[in-house]
Amino acid sequence: MALEMRKKCERCDSAIGENAAAYICVYECTFCEPCTETMEHICPNCGGELVRRPRKPQKVRMV
C-alpha cells in the first residue's frame, strides 16, 4: 500500500510539491517543514512523531 502524497500542509494550507520536504505521522497527516518545526515534530492530531516523508524517485530504474 503506497503513501498518500498529499499536496497541502494541514496546518497552513500551503502547497507541498511532490518532491518537496514534507513531514508525516503514522496516520499520514502531512505538514510543511516550517509548520513541523513550529510544532516541534509532534502531530497536533494524534500526538505522534512527525518524520520526513520519503520522496519519489526521479527516474524508475528497471532491473
PDB file of N, CA and C in Angstrom:
ATOM      1  N   MET A   1       0.845  -1.174   0.000  1.00  0.00           N
ATOM      2  CA  MET A   1       0.000   0.000   0.000  1.00  0.00           C
ATOM      3  C   MET A   1       0.896   1.245   0.000  1.00  0.00           C
ATOM      4  N   ALA A   2       0.697   2.116  -0.946  1.00  0.00           N
ATOM      5  CA  ALA A   2       1.527   3.317  -1.091  1.00  0.00           C
ATOM      6  C   ALA A   2       1.045   4.443  -0.185  1.00  0.00           C
ATOM      7  N   LEU A   3       1.969   5.336   0.134  1.00  0.00           N
ATOM      8  CA  LEU A   3       1.605   6.524   0.900  1.00  0.00           C
ATOM      9  C   LEU A   3       0.737   7.447   0.061  1.00  0.00           C
ATOM     10  N   GLU A   4      -0.175   8.114   0.718  1.00  0.00           N
ATOM     11  CA  GLU A   4      -0.957   9.144   0.034  1.00  0.00           C
ATOM     12  C   GLU A   4      -0.106  10.409   0.047  1.00  0.00           C
ATOM     13  N   MET A   5       0.319  10.860  -1.119  1.00  0.00           N
ATOM     14  CA  MET A   5       1.196  12.024  -1.208  1.00  0.00           C
ATOM     15  C   MET A   5       0.343  13.292  -1.256  1.00  0.00           C
ATOM     16  N   ARG A   6      -0.072  13.745  -0.088  1.00  0.00           N
ATOM     17  CA  ARG A   6      -0.928  14.923  -0.011  1.00  0.00           C
ATOM     18  C   ARG A   6      -0.170  16.157  -0.472  1.00  0.00           C
ATOM     19  N   LYS A   7      -0.897  17.093  -1.051  1.00  0.00           N
ATOM     20  CA  LYS A   7      -0.269  18.230  -1.714  1.00  0.00           C
ATOM     21  C   LYS A   7      -0.366  19.543  -0.951  1.00  0.00           C
ATOM     22  N   LYS A   8      -0.969  19.517   0.253  1.00  0.00           N
ATOM     23  CA  LYS A   8      -1.105  20.735   1.054  1.00  0.00           C
ATOM     24  C   LYS A   8      -0.782  20.448   2.511  1.00  0.00           C
ATOM     25  N   CYS A   9      -0.217  21.443   3.163  1.00  0.00           N
ATOM     26  CA  CYS A   9       0.041  21.360   4.597  1.00  0.00           C
ATOM     27  C   CYS A   9      -1.301  21.441   5.331  1.00  0.00           C
ATOM     28  N   GLU A  10      -1.509  20.540   6.283  1.00  0.00           N
ATOM     29  CA  GLU A  10      -2.770  20.521   7.022  1.00  0.00           C
ATOM     30  C   GLU A  10      -2.891  21.669   8.023  1.00  0.00           C
ATOM     31  N   ARG A  11      -1.800  22.368   8.286  1.00  0.00           N
ATOM     32  CA  ARG A  11      -1.844  23.474   9.250  1.00  0.00           C
ATOM     33  C   ARG A  11      -2.003  24.828   8.575  1.00  0.00           C
ATOM     34  N   CYS A  12      -1.185  25.097   7.565  1.00  0.00           N
ATOM     35  CA  CYS A  12      -1.193  26.429   6.946  1.00  0.00           C
ATOM     36  C   CYS A  12      -1.763  26.438   5.533  1.00  0.00           C
ATOM     37  N   ASP A  13      -2.094  25.274   4.998  1.00  0.00           N
ATOM     38  CA  ASP A  13      -2.687  25.137   3.667  1.00  0.00           C
ATOM     39  C   ASP A  13      -1.743  25.485   2.515  1.00  0.00           C
ATOM     40  N   SER A  14      -0.443  25.611   2.794  1.00  0.00           N
ATOM     41  CA  SER A  14       0.491  25.909   1.711  1.00  0.00           C
ATOM     42  C   SER A  14       0.704  24.667   0.851  1.00  0.00           C
ATOM     43  N   ALA A  15       1.014  24.895  -0.409  1.00  0.00           N
ATOM     44  CA  ALA A  15       1.251  23.796  -1.347  1.00  0.00           C
ATOM     45  C   ALA A  15       2.551  23.079  -0.999  1.00  0.00           C
ATOM     46  N   ILE A  16       2.530  21.756  -1.147  1.00  0.00           N
ATOM     47  CA  ILE A  16       3.722  20.933  -0.944  1.00  0.00           C
ATOM     48  C   ILE A  16       3.957  20.163  -2.234  1.00  0.00           C
ATOM     49  N   GLY A  17       5.068  20.444  -2.878  1.00  0.00           N
ATOM     50  CA  GLY A  17       5.397  19.760  -4.128  1.00  0.00           C
ATOM     51  C   GLY A  17       5.680  18.282  -3.912  1.00  0.00           C
ATOM     52  N   GLU A  18       5.573  17.521  -4.965  1.00  0.00           N
ATOM     53  CA  GLU A  18       5.757  16.074  -4.908  1.00  0.00           C
ATOM     54  C   GLU A  18       7.101  15.675  -4.297  1.00  0.00           C
ATOM     55  N   ASN A  19       8.154  16.414  -4.598  1.00  0.00           N
ATOM     56  CA  ASN A  19       9.473  16.097  -4.062  1.00  0.00           C
ATOM     57  C   ASN A  19       9.972  17.140  -3.073  1.00  0.00           C
ATOM     58  N   ALA A  20       9.070  17.962  -2.548  1.00  0.00           N
ATOM     59  CA  ALA A  20       9.441  18.960  -1.550  1.00  0.00           C
ATOM     60  C   ALA A  20       9.531  18.300  -0.173  1.00  0.00           C
ATOM     61  N   ALA A  21      10.241  18.957   0.728  1.00  0.00           N
ATOM     62  CA  ALA A  21      10.330  18.467   2.100  1.00  0.00           C
ATOM     63  C   ALA A  21       8.952  18.546   2.747  1.00  0.00           C
ATOM     64  N   ALA A  22       8.509  17.434   3.284  1.00  0.00           N
ATOM     65  CA  ALA A  22       7.234  17.368   3.985  1.00  0.00           C
ATOM     66  C   ALA A  22       7.378  16.353   5.105  1.00  0.00           C
ATOM     67  N   TYR A  23       6.522  16.462   6.095  1.00  0.00           N
ATOM     68  CA  TYR A  23       6.595  15.585   7.258  1.00  0.00           C
ATOM     69  C   TYR A  23       5.245  14.937   7.490  1.00  0.00           C
ATOM     70  N   ILE A  24       5.273  13.652   7.906  1.00  0.00           N
ATOM     71  CA  ILE A  24       4.042  12.898   8.122  1.00  0.00           C
ATOM     72  C   ILE A  24       4.116  12.151   9.455  1.00  0.00           C
ATOM     73  N   CYS A  25       2.927  11.802   9.976  1.00  0.00           N
ATOM     74  CA  CYS A  25       2.841  10.933  11.149  1.00  0.00           C
ATOM     75  C   CYS A  25       2.387   9.552  10.669  1.00  0.00           C
ATOM     76  N   VAL A  26       2.124   8.647  11.598  1.00  0.00           N
ATOM     77  CA  VAL A  26       1.727   7.289  11.207  1.00  0.00           C
ATOM     78  C   VAL A  26       0.371   7.253  10.503  1.00  0.00           C
ATOM     79  N   TYR A  27      -0.441   8.295  10.684  1.00  0.00           N
ATOM     80  CA  TYR A  27      -1.742   8.364  10.016  1.00  0.00           C
ATOM     81  C   TYR A  27      -1.681   9.177   8.722  1.00  0.00           C
ATOM     82  N   GLU A  28      -0.473   9.553   8.298  1.00  0.00           N
ATOM     83  CA  GLU A  28      -0.210  10.302   7.078  1.00  0.00           C
ATOM     84  C   GLU A  28      -0.718  11.742   7.114  1.00  0.00           C
ATOM     85  N   CYS A  29      -0.924  12.285   8.330  1.00  0.00           N
ATOM     86  CA  CYS A  29      -1.170  13.728   8.425  1.00  0.00           C
ATOM     87  C   CYS A  29       0.074  14.374   7.837  1.00  0.00           C
ATOM     88  N   THR A  30      -0.083  15.406   7.038  1.00  0.00           N
ATOM     89  CA  THR A  30       1.031  15.965   6.278  1.00  0.00           C
ATOM     90  C   THR A  30       1.215  17.443   6.590  1.00  0.00           C
ATOM     91  N   PHE A  31       2.478  17.837   6.835  1.00  0.00           N
ATOM     92  CA  PHE A  31       2.793  19.211   7.193  1.00  0.00           C
ATOM     93  C   PHE A  31       4.052  19.678   6.471  1.00  0.00           C
ATOM     94  N   CYS A  32       4.107  20.978   6.191  1.00  0.00           N
ATOM     95  CA  CYS A  32       5.298  21.561   5.564  1.00  0.00           C
ATOM     96  C   CYS A  32       6.417  21.650   6.616  1.00  0.00           C
ATOM     97  N   GLU A  33       7.608  21.910   6.160  1.00  0.00           N
ATOM     98  CA  GLU A  33       8.761  21.966   7.055  1.00  0.00           C
ATOM     99  C   GLU A  33       8.649  23.085   8.098  1.00  0.00           C
ATOM    100  N   PRO A  34       8.276  24.325   7.723  1.00  0.00           N
ATOM    101  CA  PRO A  34       8.159  25.376   8.751  1.00  0.00           C
ATOM    102  C   PRO A  34       7.120  25.055   9.838  1.00  0.00           C
ATOM    103  N   CYS A  35       5.979  24.523   9.461  1.00  0.00           N
ATOM    104  CA  CYS A  35       4.958  24.166  10.456  1.00  0.00           C
ATOM    105  C   CYS A  35       5.456  23.038  11.357  1.00  0.00           C
ATOM    106  N   THR A  36       6.138  22.069  10.775  1.00  0.00           N
ATOM    107  CA  THR A  36       6.674  20.951  11.554  1.00  0.00           C
ATOM    108  C   THR A  36       7.656  21.451  12.600  1.00  0.00           C
ATOM    109  N   GLU A  37       8.515  22.391  12.211  1.00  0.00           N
ATOM    110  CA  GLU A  37       9.472  22.963  13.172  1.00  0.00           C
ATOM    111  C   GLU A  37       8.732  23.681  14.297  1.00  0.00           C
ATOM    112  N   THR A  38       7.717  24.463  13.951  1.00  0.00           N
ATOM    113  CA  THR A  38       6.936  25.199  14.947  1.00  0.00           C
ATOM    114  C   THR A  38       6.260  24.244  15.928  1.00  0.00           C
ATOM    115  N   MET A  39       5.785  23.110  15.412  1.00  0.00           N
ATOM    116  CA  MET A  39       5.084  22.126  16.252  1.00  0.00           C
ATOM    117  C   MET A  39       6.043  21.156  16.933  1.00  0.00           C
ATOM    118  N   GLU A  40       7.351  21.393  16.773  1.00  0.00           N
ATOM    119  CA  GLU A  40       8.401  20.577  17.388  1.00  0.00           C
ATOM    120  C   GLU A  40       8.288  19.096  17.026  1.00  0.00           C
ATOM    121  N   HIS A  41       7.938  18.841  15.763  1.00  0.00           N
ATOM    122  CA  HIS A  41       7.866  17.484  15.197  1.00  0.00           C
ATOM    123  C   HIS A  41       6.832  16.596  15.886  1.00  0.00           C
ATOM    124  N   ILE A  42       5.773  17.203  16.438  1.00  0.00           N
ATOM    125  CA  ILE A  42       4.683  16.447  17.070  1.00  0.00           C
ATOM    126  C   ILE A  42       3.394  16.739  16.311  1.00  0.00           C
ATOM    127  N   CYS A  43       2.693  15.695  15.889  1.00  0.00           N
ATOM    128  CA  CYS A  43       1.440  15.851  15.155  1.00  0.00           C
ATOM    129  C   CYS A  43       0.362  16.388  16.099  1.00  0.00           C
ATOM    130  N   PRO A  44      -0.295  17.492  15.732  1.00  0.00           N
ATOM    131  CA  PRO A  44      -1.344  18.037  16.592  1.00  0.00           C
ATOM    132  C   PRO A  44      -2.621  17.197  16.581  1.00  0.00           C
ATOM    133  N   ASN A  45      -2.755  16.305  15.606  1.00  0.00           N
ATOM    134  CA  ASN A  45      -3.958  15.471  15.501  1.00  0.00           C
ATOM    135  C   ASN A  45      -3.885  14.230  16.392  1.00  0.00           C
ATOM    136  N   CYS A  46      -2.740  13.550  16.387  1.00  0.00           N
ATOM    137  CA  CYS A  46      -2.638  12.288  17.131  1.00  0.00           C
ATOM    138  C   CYS A  46      -1.575  12.306  18.225  1.00  0.00           C
ATOM    139  N   GLY A  47      -0.729  13.339  18.233  1.00  0.00           N
ATOM    140  CA  GLY A  47       0.335  13.410  19.227  1.00  0.00           C
ATOM    141  C   GLY A  47       1.550  12.585  18.871  1.00  0.00           C
ATOM    142  N   GLY A  48       1.546  11.989  17.675  1.00  0.00           N
ATOM    143  CA  GLY A  48       2.659  11.162  17.230  1.00  0.00           C
ATOM    144  C   GLY A  48       3.805  11.985  16.660  1.00  0.00           C
ATOM    145  N   GLU A  49       4.912  11.315  16.432  1.00  0.00           N
ATOM    146  CA  GLU A  49       6.108  11.939  15.874  1.00  0.00           C
ATOM    147  C   GLU A  49       5.916  12.236  14.387  1.00  0.00           C
ATOM    148  N   LEU A  50       6.362  13.413  13.959  1.00  0.00           N
ATOM    149  CA  LEU A  50       6.373  13.756  12.539  1.00  0.00           C
ATOM    150  C   LEU A  50       7.764  13.464  11.997  1.00  0.00           C
ATOM    151  N   VAL A  51       7.807  12.664  10.933  1.00  0.00           N
ATOM    152  CA  VAL A  51       9.071  12.298  10.309  1.00  0.00           C
ATOM    153  C   VAL A  51       9.053  12.704   8.839  1.00  0.00           C
ATOM    154  N   ARG A  52      10.226  12.807   8.264  1.00  0.00           N
ATOM    155  CA  ARG A  52      10.358  13.225   6.871  1.00  0.00           C
ATOM    156  C   ARG A  52       9.648  12.238   5.949  1.00  0.00           C
ATOM    157  N   ARG A  53       8.817  12.772   5.082  1.00  0.00           N
ATOM    158  CA  ARG A  53       8.119  11.945   4.097  1.00  0.00           C
ATOM    159  C   ARG A  53       9.121  11.534   3.025  1.00  0.00           C
ATOM    160  N   PRO A  54       9.124  10.255   2.609  1.00  0.00           N
ATOM    161  CA  PRO A  54      10.041   9.841   1.549  1.00  0.00           C
ATOM    162  C   PRO A  54       9.691  10.525   0.233  1.00  0.00           C
ATOM    163  N   ARG A  55      10.703  10.714  -0.576  1.00  0.00           N
ATOM    164  CA  ARG A  55      10.497  11.334  -1.882  1.00  0.00           C
ATOM    165  C   ARG A  55      10.397  10.254  -2.944  1.00  0.00           C
ATOM    166  N   LYS A  56       9.641  10.561  -3.983  1.00  0.00           N
ATOM    167  CA  LYS A  56       9.545   9.635  -5.111  1.00  0.00           C
ATOM    168  C   LYS A  56      10.855   9.687  -5.893  1.00  0.00           C
ATOM    169  N   PRO A  57      11.283   8.571  -6.461  1.00  0.00           N
ATOM    170  CA  PRO A  57      12.498   8.581  -7.269  1.00  0.00           C
ATOM    171  C   PRO A  57      12.289   9.429  -8.524  1.00  0.00           C
ATOM    172  N   GLN A  58      13.348  10.069  -8.972  1.00  0.00           N
ATOM    173  CA  GLN A  58      13.268  10.897 -10.176  1.00  0.00           C
ATOM    174  C   GLN A  58      13.013  10.041 -11.400  1.00  0.00           C
ATOM    175  N   LYS A  59      13.705   8.925 -11.487  1.00  0.00           N
ATOM    176  CA  LYS A  59      13.530   8.010 -12.614  1.00  0.00           C
ATOM    177  C   LYS A  59      13.391   6.607 -12.057  1.00  0.00           C
ATOM    178  N   VAL A  60      12.498   5.861 -12.623  1.00  0.00           N
ATOM    179  CA  VAL A  60      12.335   4.472 -12.215  1.00  0.00           C
ATOM    180  C   VAL A  60      13.310   3.620 -13.005  1.00  0.00           C
ATOM    181  N   ARG A  61      14.147   2.875 -12.285  1.00  0.00           N
ATOM    182  CA  ARG A  61      15.114   2.011 -12.951  1.00  0.00           C
ATOM    183  C   ARG A  61      14.549   0.611 -13.052  1.00  0.00           C
ATOM    184  N   MET A  62      14.617   0.056 -14.219  1.00  0.00           N
ATOM    185  CA  MET A  62      14.186  -1.322 -14.427  1.00  0.00           C
ATOM    186  C   MET A  62      15.398  -2.237 -14.262  1.00  0.00           C
ATOM    187  N   VAL A  63      15.271  -3.201 -13.385  1.00  0.00           N
ATOM    188  CA  VAL A  63      16.381  -4.119 -13.115  1.00  0.00           C
ATOM    189  C   VAL A  63      16.088  -5.473 -13.684  1.00  0.00           C
TER     190      VAL A  63
END
